[in-house]
Amino acid sequence: MPDNASSSKPESVTSPEDAEESAENATEDADPQRRFLIFNAAPAWMVSMLVHVLILLVLGLVTIADPIKIVNVLTANNTGDDGPEIEEFTIEEIDPGEISELEETEPVDVTESVEMVEPTEVEQVDIPTVDLDTADLAAEMAPTAVSLQTLTSTQLQPLGSRTSEMKKKLLRDYGGTESSEAAVTEALKWLSRHQLPNGAWTFQHHLACNGACGNPGEMNRAKAFNAATAMALLPFLGAGQTHIQGEFRPVVFRGLRFLIQNGKPGRKGGLPVLDLSEGGGNMYSHGLAAIALCEAYAMSEDPELAGPAQASLNFITYAQCRDGGWRYRPQQPDGGDTSVTGWQVMALKSGYMGHLSIPPQTIQGSMLFLDKVQSKNGSLYGYASPSQQIRPSCAAIGLLCRMYTGWDKNHPGIVDGVKELAKIGVLKNDIYYDYYAAQVLRHYGGSEWDEFNVELRDWLVSTQDQSAGAKGSWHFPNSASHRGPKEGGRLASTAFATMILEVYYRHMPLYADAAAEEDFPL
């Protein structure tokens, strides 16, 4: 019988060579499947990364032509054309041969409608580009010891006193009332109704309302659009309204855009400038407009406003006279005057609060000018030279400038100057003086402010016009000449009165009591 074990035959016999070949084939068949499984198992971010790396490698091999560099070329020409000179709004003549200024552009026709693009809720101002590299100005920032006092800490938003909650607190603490705030609201409504279609305002405000309210400014101020527009904008900004937020956002938007487009760009001393001076206003117009631009930038921190605001400050630096002050024309040979200087210092202060560049020598120069025109240890100030007789508006302007440039509350000049203003009290024929005196006394505080505030506040609230058309505005028919109301009419009067009623919260107090230091860090 045959042996079963020895007689069973294997199904196949594989040689070593055949086994090796089969193993290789099996490996090749398995590789695509393994790669597919690995690819599927990889996270999406890894796949995305690999794809983007490949794209970047391909793009790196592509030669790209150098882009075309576009440079804004801003020019300014000299001209011998001179406009009127103003002594606290007074028209005077000067020698045309003495002064060279930037060429003035043709003023905007108030009857011409300019197409406006209304902003959306988050839209920023559509502003012409001003060629400005702020990095070049970093070294020119004024150190604290020789610069304007800051009214805010780095932890607070610039002009944070104008926010809703802070306004309520400051109104309560510094003497505002519901009636004064209601008057401010009505004034803003009147101002908004008198904005022209192109975003500007005019001292001939009856052109905007078709004569619904009278008392326009003088005809020789009719083309001072920058001054009128800035004066109308400042009360909105003082109330916390900007082009980004607030009930009157579109109004502020159009006004700011008009100012920037109506300015004259150029370059002075290697820096870009925006000249907002004009016939019928001159450096008054520029100072007012620069304050508006700087406050709008400080409040909104809109980068589109940084260039124009800085360029307006650069023009102030360029225009400074040799004695450290400012007057009607840039670098006027006969030196500055206290009235024009006050507006420029206010603009520099607004720019400083917005962290814009202010050259130390500009501030030092303004302090030298104040030294030049002061008397009685700095408690009194003249117009262009010292005065032993008190000039109310010059005294108030000089003291406010001293507060902003570093004099403390106990300085003899401040103490004696405040006493002088307290003796003068409220002048119902000089709203220009009242505007500056209110700021000085409010910063100083105490019984002097309390008495002054009650009289001025209640008088303004009671005299606000309530008639149809003029409702919300002010007119001061008994105002002294060269103090604003006669030259700028109802528009200027309304702007000054509104800003006075905003004095409680327009700026943080410079001299806070110890108990209030936590609320108002300086």
Protein backbone atom coordinates (compact mmCIF):
# COMPACT_ATOMS: atom_id res chain seq x y z
CA MET A 1 0.00 0.00 0.00
CA PRO A 2 1.41 3.21 -0.90
CA ASP A 3 2.17 5.73 1.90
CA ASN A 4 -0.43 8.57 1.82
CA ALA A 5 2.06 11.13 3.12
CA SER A 6 4.59 10.30 0.53
CA SER A 7 2.04 9.97 -2.24
CA SER A 8 0.27 13.45 -1.63
CA LYS A 9 1.33 16.02 -4.22
CA PRO A 10 1.54 19.81 -3.44
CA GLU A 11 -0.81 22.10 -5.49
CA SER A 12 2.09 24.22 -6.65
CA VAL A 13 5.73 24.55 -6.17
CA THR A 14 7.30 28.02 -6.09
CA SER A 15 10.92 28.66 -6.59
CA PRO A 16 12.76 31.29 -4.53
CA GLU A 17 12.97 33.55 -7.58
CA ASP A 18 9.20 33.32 -8.15
CA ALA A 19 8.52 34.14 -4.47
CA GLU A 20 10.66 37.24 -4.62
CA GLU A 21 8.92 38.49 -7.78
CA SER A 22 5.48 37.95 -6.23
CA ALA A 23 6.44 39.90 -3.13
CA GLU A 24 7.59 42.84 -5.26
CA ASN A 25 4.34 42.86 -7.24
CA ALA A 26 2.31 42.81 -4.03
CA THR A 27 4.27 45.77 -2.69
CA GLU A 28 3.69 47.79 -5.88
CA ASP A 29 -0.04 47.08 -5.74
CA ALA A 30 -0.21 48.14 -2.08
CA ASP A 31 1.71 51.47 -2.46
CA PRO A 32 -1.03 53.49 -4.27
CA GLN A 33 -3.60 52.33 -1.77
CA ARG A 34 -1.31 53.20 1.16
CA ARG A 35 -0.62 56.66 -0.28
CA PHE A 36 -4.34 57.25 -0.73
CA LEU A 37 -5.05 56.23 2.86
CA ILE A 38 -2.32 58.54 4.18
CA PHE A 39 -3.67 61.43 2.09
CA ASN A 40 -7.18 60.86 3.43
CA ALA A 41 -5.94 60.57 6.98
CA ALA A 42 -4.00 63.86 6.82
CA PRO A 43 -5.78 66.84 8.46
CA ALA A 44 -7.24 69.51 6.18
CA TRP A 45 -4.83 72.18 7.40
CA MET A 46 -1.86 70.07 6.32
CA VAL A 47 -3.31 69.58 2.86
CA SER A 48 -4.05 73.28 2.58
CA MET A 49 -0.53 74.13 3.70
CA LEU A 50 1.05 71.84 1.12
CA VAL A 51 -1.10 73.30 -1.66
CA HIS A 52 -0.26 76.90 -0.69
CA VAL A 53 3.45 76.10 -0.43
CA LEU A 54 3.36 74.72 -3.98
CA ILE A 55 1.55 77.84 -5.20
CA LEU A 56 4.10 80.13 -3.54
CA LEU A 57 6.96 78.15 -5.08
CA VAL A 58 5.41 78.58 -8.51
CA LEU A 59 4.80 82.29 -8.00
CA GLY A 60 8.36 82.74 -6.80
CA LEU A 61 9.56 81.64 -10.23
CA VAL A 62 7.45 84.21 -11.99
CA THR A 63 9.11 87.57 -12.77
CA ILE A 64 6.91 90.50 -11.75
CA ALA A 65 7.50 93.95 -13.17
CA ASP A 66 8.30 96.74 -10.72
CA PRO A 67 5.11 98.54 -9.71
CA ILE A 68 4.63 102.14 -10.72
CA LYS A 69 5.17 104.43 -7.73
CA ILE A 70 2.60 107.21 -7.53
CA VAL A 71 3.74 110.30 -5.70
CA ASN A 72 1.50 113.20 -4.77
CA VAL A 73 3.18 116.41 -5.85
CA LEU A 74 1.81 119.27 -3.76
CA THR A 75 2.81 122.74 -4.85
CA ALA A 76 2.28 126.24 -3.57
CA ASN A 77 3.07 129.50 -5.34
CA ASN A 78 3.87 132.88 -3.86
CA THR A 79 1.78 135.92 -4.59
CA GLY A 80 1.67 139.46 -3.41
CA ASP A 81 -2.11 139.51 -3.02
CA ASP A 82 -3.09 140.60 0.48
CA GLY A 83 -6.43 140.45 2.19
CA PRO A 84 -7.77 142.49 5.08
CA GLU A 85 -6.12 142.49 8.44
CA ILE A 86 -8.16 141.79 11.54
CA GLU A 87 -7.80 143.06 15.09
CA GLU A 88 -10.03 140.71 17.04
CA PHE A 89 -12.19 140.59 13.89
CA THR A 90 -11.27 144.16 12.81
CA ILE A 91 -10.49 144.94 9.15
CA GLU A 92 -7.29 146.90 8.66
CA GLU A 93 -4.99 147.52 5.73
CA ILE A 94 -1.37 146.39 5.55
CA ASP A 95 1.44 147.07 3.14
CA PRO A 96 1.15 144.54 0.29
CA GLY A 97 4.86 144.78 -0.37
CA GLU A 98 5.76 143.40 3.04
CA ILE A 99 4.19 140.00 2.85
CA SER A 100 4.35 136.97 0.59
CA GLU A 101 1.71 134.27 0.97
CA LEU A 102 0.50 131.11 -0.65
CA GLU A 103 -1.63 131.61 -3.70
CA GLU A 104 -5.30 131.79 -2.77
CA THR A 105 -7.74 129.60 -4.65
CA GLU A 106 -11.09 130.79 -5.93
CA PRO A 107 -13.62 130.44 -3.10
CA VAL A 108 -16.40 127.94 -3.43
CA ASP A 109 -19.66 129.34 -4.80
CA VAL A 110 -22.29 128.83 -2.13
CA THR A 111 -25.00 128.45 -4.74
CA GLU A 112 -23.28 125.54 -6.46
CA SER A 113 -24.35 122.11 -5.30
CA VAL A 114 -21.56 119.62 -4.77
CA GLU A 115 -22.38 115.93 -5.10
CA MET A 116 -22.12 114.37 -1.67
CA VAL A 117 -21.72 110.69 -0.88
CA GLU A 118 -23.55 109.94 2.34
CA PRO A 119 -21.56 107.76 4.77
CA THR A 120 -22.74 104.37 5.93
CA GLU A 121 -22.65 103.46 9.59
CA VAL A 122 -18.97 102.54 9.46
CA GLU A 123 -17.81 104.65 6.53
CA GLN A 124 -14.88 106.98 7.09
CA VAL A 125 -14.37 110.38 5.54
CA ASP A 126 -13.46 110.27 1.88
CA ILE A 127 -10.51 112.61 2.01
CA PRO A 128 -7.96 113.75 -0.59
CA THR A 129 -4.57 112.25 0.14
CA VAL A 130 -2.05 114.53 1.83
CA ASP A 131 1.48 113.24 1.30
CA LEU A 132 2.71 112.88 4.87
CA ASP A 133 5.21 110.51 6.40
CA THR A 134 4.69 110.88 10.14
CA ALA A 135 7.75 108.72 10.80
CA ASP A 136 9.88 111.64 9.63
CA LEU A 137 8.27 113.79 12.30
CA ALA A 138 8.77 111.43 15.24
CA ALA A 139 11.98 113.12 16.30
CA GLU A 140 10.19 116.47 16.34
CA MET A 141 7.63 115.45 18.96
CA ALA A 142 7.71 117.92 21.83
CA PRO A 143 8.87 116.55 25.19
CA THR A 144 6.54 117.18 28.12
CA ALA A 145 8.66 119.89 29.69
CA VAL A 146 8.42 122.16 26.66
CA SER A 147 5.06 121.24 25.22
CA LEU A 148 1.40 121.87 25.81
CA GLN A 149 -0.06 120.26 28.91
CA THR A 150 -1.98 117.13 28.09
CA LEU A 151 -5.61 117.09 29.16
CA THR A 152 -5.86 113.32 29.06
CA SER A 153 -3.81 110.35 30.16
CA THR A 154 -2.59 107.73 27.74
CA GLN A 155 -5.20 105.38 29.17
CA LEU A 156 -8.08 107.65 28.15
CA GLN A 157 -9.43 108.31 24.71
CA PRO A 158 -8.47 111.84 23.64
CA LEU A 159 -11.31 114.24 24.47
CA GLY A 160 -12.97 111.43 26.40
CA SER A 161 -14.78 114.07 28.46
CA ARG A 162 -17.27 114.30 25.60
CA THR A 163 -18.54 110.74 25.94
CA SER A 164 -22.08 110.30 27.20
CA GLU A 165 -21.33 109.11 30.72
CA MET A 166 -18.47 111.55 31.32
CA LYS A 167 -20.60 114.44 30.05
CA LYS A 168 -23.25 113.66 32.64
CA LYS A 169 -20.70 113.61 35.42
CA LEU A 170 -18.95 116.81 34.37
CA LEU A 171 -22.26 118.61 33.88
CA ARG A 172 -23.24 117.73 37.42
CA ASP A 173 -19.86 118.55 38.93
CA TYR A 174 -19.15 121.82 37.13
CA GLY A 175 -22.51 123.56 36.97
CA GLY A 176 -24.34 122.47 33.85
CA THR A 177 -28.09 121.87 33.92
CA GLU A 178 -30.77 120.09 31.92
CA SER A 179 -31.78 123.48 30.55
CA SER A 180 -28.25 124.26 29.35
CA GLU A 181 -28.01 120.87 27.64
CA ALA A 182 -31.41 121.35 26.02
CA ALA A 183 -30.16 124.68 24.67
CA VAL A 184 -27.11 122.95 23.18
CA THR A 185 -29.34 120.40 21.43
CA GLU A 186 -31.55 123.12 19.93
CA ALA A 187 -28.47 125.04 18.78
CA LEU A 188 -27.08 121.98 16.98
CA LYS A 189 -30.40 121.57 15.20
CA TRP A 190 -30.29 125.20 14.06
CA LEU A 191 -26.72 124.82 12.84
CA SER A 192 -27.57 121.62 10.95
CA ARG A 193 -30.45 123.39 9.17
CA HIS A 194 -28.08 126.07 7.90
CA GLN A 195 -25.47 123.80 6.30
CA LEU A 196 -25.11 124.41 2.57
CA PRO A 197 -25.53 121.57 0.05
CA ASN A 198 -21.74 121.33 -0.44
CA GLY A 199 -21.14 120.79 3.29
CA ALA A 200 -20.00 124.33 4.09
CA TRP A 201 -21.50 127.05 6.24
CA THR A 202 -21.43 130.79 5.53
CA PHE A 203 -21.72 133.85 7.75
CA GLN A 204 -24.41 134.88 5.27
CA HIS A 205 -26.52 132.11 6.78
CA HIS A 206 -29.79 133.51 5.42
CA LEU A 207 -28.77 132.09 2.02
CA ALA A 208 -29.20 128.60 3.47
CA CYS A 209 -32.60 129.21 5.05
CA ASN A 210 -33.99 131.55 2.38
CA GLY A 211 -34.25 134.36 4.90
CA ALA A 212 -36.16 132.40 7.54
CA CYS A 213 -33.95 134.06 10.16
CA GLY A 214 -32.07 137.32 9.80
CA ASN A 215 -28.97 139.04 11.17
CA PRO A 216 -26.30 137.71 8.79
CA GLY A 217 -22.65 138.68 9.12
CA GLU A 218 -20.89 141.46 7.27
CA MET A 219 -20.59 141.14 3.52
CA ASN A 220 -16.79 141.23 3.64
CA ARG A 221 -16.98 137.92 5.55
CA ALA A 222 -19.28 136.26 3.03
CA LYS A 223 -16.49 134.25 1.39
CA ALA A 224 -14.83 133.13 4.63
CA PHE A 225 -16.25 129.63 4.17
CA ASN A 226 -13.49 127.85 6.09
CA ALA A 227 -13.97 130.05 9.15
CA ALA A 228 -17.75 129.72 9.09
CA THR A 229 -17.60 125.96 8.53
CA ALA A 230 -15.10 125.42 11.35
CA MET A 231 -17.10 127.60 13.75
CA ALA A 232 -20.23 125.58 12.96
CA LEU A 233 -18.44 122.22 13.31
CA LEU A 234 -16.83 122.92 16.68
CA PRO A 235 -20.11 122.86 18.66
CA PHE A 236 -20.94 119.44 17.16
CA LEU A 237 -17.52 118.10 18.11
CA GLY A 238 -17.79 119.68 21.54
CA ALA A 239 -21.02 117.75 22.12
CA GLY A 240 -19.32 114.45 21.23
CA GLN A 241 -20.65 114.27 17.66
CA THR A 242 -18.24 113.01 14.98
CA HIS A 243 -18.41 111.80 11.39
CA ILE A 244 -18.34 108.24 12.77
CA GLN A 245 -21.00 108.36 15.45
CA GLY A 246 -23.77 110.55 16.76
CA GLU A 247 -27.12 111.89 15.67
CA PHE A 248 -25.49 114.55 13.49
CA ARG A 249 -22.92 112.24 11.91
CA PRO A 250 -23.77 113.11 8.27
CA VAL A 251 -23.60 116.83 9.05
CA VAL A 252 -20.11 116.50 10.55
CA PHE A 253 -19.04 114.23 7.69
CA ARG A 254 -19.95 116.78 5.03
CA GLY A 255 -18.41 119.66 6.94
CA LEU A 256 -15.06 117.94 7.45
CA ARG A 257 -14.91 116.88 3.83
CA PHE A 258 -15.56 120.45 2.69
CA LEU A 259 -12.77 121.82 4.88
CA ILE A 260 -10.21 119.36 3.59
CA GLN A 261 -11.17 119.77 -0.05
CA ASN A 262 -11.26 123.57 0.24
CA GLY A 263 -7.80 123.81 1.81
CA LYS A 264 -4.70 124.60 -0.25
CA PRO A 265 -2.07 121.83 -0.06
CA GLY A 266 1.61 122.62 -0.43
CA ARG A 267 5.03 122.07 1.09
CA LYS A 268 6.94 124.34 3.44
CA GLY A 269 10.30 123.56 5.01
CA GLY A 270 10.20 120.09 3.47
CA LEU A 271 6.90 119.22 5.17
CA PRO A 272 3.41 118.99 3.69
CA VAL A 273 1.05 121.77 4.70
CA LEU A 274 -2.66 122.39 4.34
CA ASP A 275 -3.39 126.12 4.19
CA LEU A 276 -6.93 126.91 5.36
CA SER A 277 -6.49 130.68 5.57
CA GLU A 278 -8.67 132.82 3.30
CA GLY A 279 -9.64 136.39 2.48
CA GLY A 280 -11.93 137.78 5.14
CA GLY A 281 -10.50 135.45 7.73
CA ASN A 282 -6.80 134.87 7.11
CA MET A 283 -5.07 133.02 9.96
CA TYR A 284 -8.25 133.21 12.04
CA SER A 285 -9.80 130.87 9.49
CA HIS A 286 -6.81 128.56 9.54
CA GLY A 287 -6.67 128.31 13.32
CA LEU A 288 -10.38 127.52 13.59
CA ALA A 289 -10.26 124.93 10.81
CA ALA A 290 -7.14 123.29 12.26
CA ILE A 291 -8.89 122.95 15.63
CA ALA A 292 -11.83 121.24 13.94
CA LEU A 293 -9.64 118.79 12.01
CA CYS A 294 -7.48 117.96 15.03
CA GLU A 295 -10.43 117.49 17.37
CA ALA A 296 -12.22 115.28 14.84
CA TYR A 297 -9.08 113.16 14.50
CA ALA A 298 -8.46 112.99 18.26
CA MET A 299 -12.06 111.92 18.91
CA SER A 300 -12.45 109.38 16.10
CA GLU A 301 -8.83 108.25 15.59
CA ASP A 302 -9.79 107.95 11.93
CA PRO A 303 -6.49 107.46 10.03
CA GLU A 304 -7.96 109.28 7.03
CA LEU A 305 -7.88 112.49 9.09
CA ALA A 306 -4.32 112.12 10.38
CA GLY A 307 -2.64 113.55 7.27
CA PRO A 308 -4.83 116.65 6.84
CA ALA A 309 -4.77 117.39 10.57
CA GLN A 310 -0.98 117.11 10.76
CA ALA A 311 -0.56 119.19 7.61
CA SER A 312 -2.72 121.96 9.12
CA LEU A 313 -0.45 121.98 12.19
CA ASN A 314 2.62 122.09 9.95
CA PHE A 315 1.23 125.25 8.36
CA ILE A 316 0.81 126.83 11.80
CA THR A 317 4.45 126.06 12.55
CA TYR A 318 5.50 127.57 9.23
CA ALA A 319 3.34 130.69 9.72
CA GLN A 320 4.72 131.58 13.16
CA CYS A 321 6.13 135.11 13.34
CA ARG A 322 9.66 135.89 14.45
CA ASP A 323 8.42 137.04 17.87
CA GLY A 324 6.75 133.64 18.46
CA GLY A 325 3.17 134.78 17.88
CA TRP A 326 0.83 134.67 14.91
CA ARG A 327 -1.06 137.34 13.03
CA TYR A 328 -3.22 137.62 9.93
CA ARG A 329 -0.53 136.56 7.45
CA PRO A 330 2.09 133.81 7.68
CA GLN A 331 5.33 135.14 9.19
CA GLN A 332 3.98 138.70 9.26
CA PRO A 333 6.97 141.04 9.71
CA ASP A 334 5.43 143.19 12.45
CA GLY A 335 4.88 140.16 14.67
CA GLY A 336 1.94 138.40 16.24
CA ASP A 337 -1.11 139.50 18.18
CA THR A 338 -2.77 137.83 21.16
CA SER A 339 -6.11 137.23 19.43
CA VAL A 340 -4.80 135.28 16.43
CA THR A 341 -2.19 133.56 18.59
CA GLY A 342 -4.91 132.20 20.87
CA TRP A 343 -6.57 130.24 18.06
CA GLN A 344 -3.26 128.76 16.89
CA VAL A 345 -2.31 127.64 20.42
CA MET A 346 -5.75 126.04 20.78
CA ALA A 347 -5.15 124.17 17.51
CA LEU A 348 -1.72 123.00 18.66
CA LYS A 349 -3.25 121.83 21.93
CA SER A 350 -5.95 119.87 20.05
CA GLY A 351 -3.29 118.26 17.87
CA TYR A 352 -1.19 117.40 20.92
CA MET A 353 -4.15 115.63 22.50
CA GLY A 354 -4.49 113.62 19.30
CA HIS A 355 -0.79 112.60 19.55
CA LEU A 356 0.19 114.54 16.44
CA SER A 357 3.64 116.08 16.04
CA ILE A 358 4.27 119.50 17.58
CA PRO A 359 7.83 120.90 17.30
CA PRO A 360 9.13 122.02 20.72
CA GLN A 361 10.41 125.29 19.28
CA THR A 362 6.90 126.23 18.18
CA ILE A 363 5.62 125.98 21.75
CA GLN A 364 8.69 127.73 23.11
CA GLY A 365 8.12 130.53 20.61
CA SER A 366 4.52 131.00 21.71
CA MET A 367 5.69 131.29 25.32
CA LEU A 368 8.18 133.99 24.31
CA PHE A 369 5.38 135.90 22.61
CA LEU A 370 3.26 135.71 25.76
CA ASP A 371 6.24 137.05 27.71
CA LYS A 372 6.41 139.94 25.25
CA VAL A 373 2.78 141.06 25.65
CA GLN A 374 2.27 140.36 29.37
CA SER A 375 2.25 142.81 32.25
CA LYS A 376 1.78 142.66 36.04
CA ASN A 377 3.61 139.35 36.41
CA GLY A 378 1.59 137.72 33.64
CA SER A 379 -1.87 138.54 34.97
CA LEU A 380 -2.64 140.98 32.14
CA TYR A 381 -2.00 140.76 28.40
CA GLY A 382 -2.01 143.33 25.63
CA TYR A 383 -2.86 142.92 21.98
CA ALA A 384 0.60 143.20 20.41
CA SER A 385 2.51 144.77 23.32
CA PRO A 386 2.14 145.04 27.11
CA SER A 387 -0.83 146.99 28.39
CA GLN A 388 -1.28 148.47 31.85
CA GLN A 389 -5.01 148.82 31.23
CA ILE A 390 -6.93 145.57 31.16
CA ARG A 391 -8.16 144.43 27.77
CA PRO A 392 -10.69 141.74 28.75
CA SER A 393 -10.46 139.44 25.74
CA CYS A 394 -6.65 139.66 25.50
CA ALA A 395 -6.34 138.98 29.24
CA ALA A 396 -8.55 135.89 29.02
CA ILE A 397 -6.76 134.56 25.92
CA GLY A 398 -3.32 135.10 27.44
CA LEU A 399 -4.26 133.34 30.67
CA LEU A 400 -5.75 130.35 28.84
CA CYS A 401 -2.59 130.03 26.74
CA ARG A 402 -0.51 130.16 29.92
CA MET A 403 -2.57 127.35 31.41
CA TYR A 404 -2.02 125.21 28.34
CA THR A 405 1.71 125.92 28.19
CA GLY A 406 2.40 124.89 31.76
CA TRP A 407 1.62 127.53 34.38
CA ASP A 408 0.13 125.82 37.42
CA LYS A 409 -2.87 126.95 39.43
CA ASN A 410 -0.74 128.69 42.08
CA HIS A 411 1.33 130.76 39.68
CA PRO A 412 0.99 134.44 40.69
CA GLY A 413 0.04 135.39 37.14
CA ILE A 414 -2.80 132.86 37.11
CA VAL A 415 -4.05 133.75 40.59
CA ASP A 416 -4.05 137.52 39.95
CA GLY A 417 -5.39 137.12 36.42
CA VAL A 418 -8.35 135.06 37.62
CA LYS A 419 -9.12 137.78 40.17
CA GLU A 420 -9.17 140.34 37.36
CA LEU A 421 -11.57 138.24 35.27
CA ALA A 422 -13.80 137.70 38.27
CA LYS A 423 -13.99 141.48 38.75
CA ILE A 424 -14.99 141.96 35.12
CA GLY A 425 -17.60 139.22 35.31
CA VAL A 426 -19.87 138.42 32.37
CA LEU A 427 -19.87 140.96 29.51
CA LYS A 428 -23.17 140.78 27.67
CA ASN A 429 -21.81 142.90 24.83
CA ASP A 430 -18.68 140.77 24.31
CA ILE A 431 -19.37 137.06 23.73
CA TYR A 432 -15.80 136.67 22.43
CA TYR A 433 -14.41 137.58 25.85
CA ASP A 434 -17.04 135.43 27.59
CA TYR A 435 -15.96 132.42 25.51
CA TYR A 436 -12.33 132.61 26.68
CA ALA A 437 -13.08 133.77 30.23
CA ALA A 438 -15.43 130.81 30.74
CA GLN A 439 -12.62 128.40 29.88
CA VAL A 440 -10.09 130.08 32.16
CA LEU A 441 -12.45 130.25 35.14
CA ARG A 442 -13.81 126.76 34.62
CA HIS A 443 -10.28 125.31 34.65
CA TYR A 444 -9.47 127.35 37.76
CA GLY A 445 -12.70 126.45 39.55
CA GLY A 446 -13.76 127.68 42.95
CA SER A 447 -16.12 130.49 43.85
CA GLU A 448 -14.90 132.63 40.94
CA TRP A 449 -16.17 130.02 38.50
CA ASP A 450 -19.39 129.29 40.35
CA GLU A 451 -20.53 132.91 40.31
CA PHE A 452 -19.44 133.55 36.72
CA ASN A 453 -21.01 130.31 35.47
CA VAL A 454 -24.45 130.85 36.99
CA GLU A 455 -24.79 134.33 35.49
CA LEU A 456 -23.47 133.40 32.04
CA ARG A 457 -25.30 130.07 31.80
CA ASP A 458 -28.69 131.42 32.82
CA TRP A 459 -28.34 134.49 30.60
CA LEU A 460 -27.56 132.37 27.52
CA VAL A 461 -30.37 129.91 28.20
CA SER A 462 -32.88 132.74 28.62
CA THR A 463 -31.79 134.63 25.49
CA GLN A 464 -31.78 131.69 23.06
CA ASP A 465 -34.17 132.51 20.22
CA GLN A 466 -37.44 130.55 20.26
CA SER A 467 -39.07 132.10 17.21
CA ALA A 468 -39.82 130.15 14.04
CA GLY A 469 -36.80 129.76 11.75
CA ALA A 470 -34.35 131.19 14.29
CA LYS A 471 -35.25 128.68 17.03
CA GLY A 472 -32.12 127.47 18.79
CA SER A 473 -29.85 130.35 17.73
CA TRP A 474 -28.55 133.54 19.34
CA HIS A 475 -28.16 137.10 18.16
CA PHE A 476 -26.53 139.85 20.26
CA PRO A 477 -27.63 143.19 18.76
CA ASN A 478 -25.78 145.20 21.43
CA SER A 479 -22.45 143.48 20.90
CA ALA A 480 -19.35 145.63 20.69
CA SER A 481 -17.65 145.82 17.31
CA HIS A 482 -14.80 143.48 16.50
CA ARG A 483 -15.99 140.79 18.90
CA GLY A 484 -17.60 138.34 16.48
CA PRO A 485 -21.39 138.84 16.42
CA LYS A 486 -21.39 141.86 14.10
CA GLU A 487 -18.74 140.42 11.78
CA GLY A 488 -19.98 136.81 11.79
CA GLY A 489 -23.66 137.48 12.44
CA ARG A 490 -26.09 134.99 13.94
CA LEU A 491 -23.91 132.01 12.93
CA ALA A 492 -20.86 133.23 14.89
CA SER A 493 -23.01 134.25 17.86
CA THR A 494 -24.65 130.82 17.97
CA ALA A 495 -21.33 128.99 17.71
CA PHE A 496 -19.77 130.98 20.57
CA ALA A 497 -22.83 130.63 22.82
CA THR A 498 -23.09 126.88 22.21
CA MET A 499 -19.42 126.27 22.94
CA ILE A 500 -19.77 128.23 26.18
CA LEU A 501 -22.64 125.97 27.26
CA GLU A 502 -20.42 122.97 26.45
CA VAL A 503 -17.57 124.27 28.62
CA TYR A 504 -18.39 121.80 31.41
CA TYR A 505 -17.29 118.80 29.37
CA ARG A 506 -15.53 120.19 26.32
CA HIS A 507 -12.14 119.52 27.94
CA MET A 508 -10.96 117.73 31.04
CA PRO A 509 -10.21 120.18 33.89
CA LEU A 510 -6.57 121.22 33.98
CA TYR A 511 -6.48 121.76 37.73
CA ALA A 512 -8.39 118.96 39.48
CA ASP A 513 -8.82 118.80 43.23
CA ALA A 514 -7.14 115.92 45.03
CA ALA A 515 -10.49 114.20 45.50
CA ALA A 516 -11.08 114.26 41.76
CA GLU A 517 -7.70 113.06 40.57
CA GLU A 518 -8.88 109.49 40.06
CA ASP A 519 -11.76 110.70 37.93
CA PHE A 520 -9.66 113.12 35.91
CA PRO A 521 -6.09 111.82 35.50
CA LEU A 522 -3.86 114.56 34.08
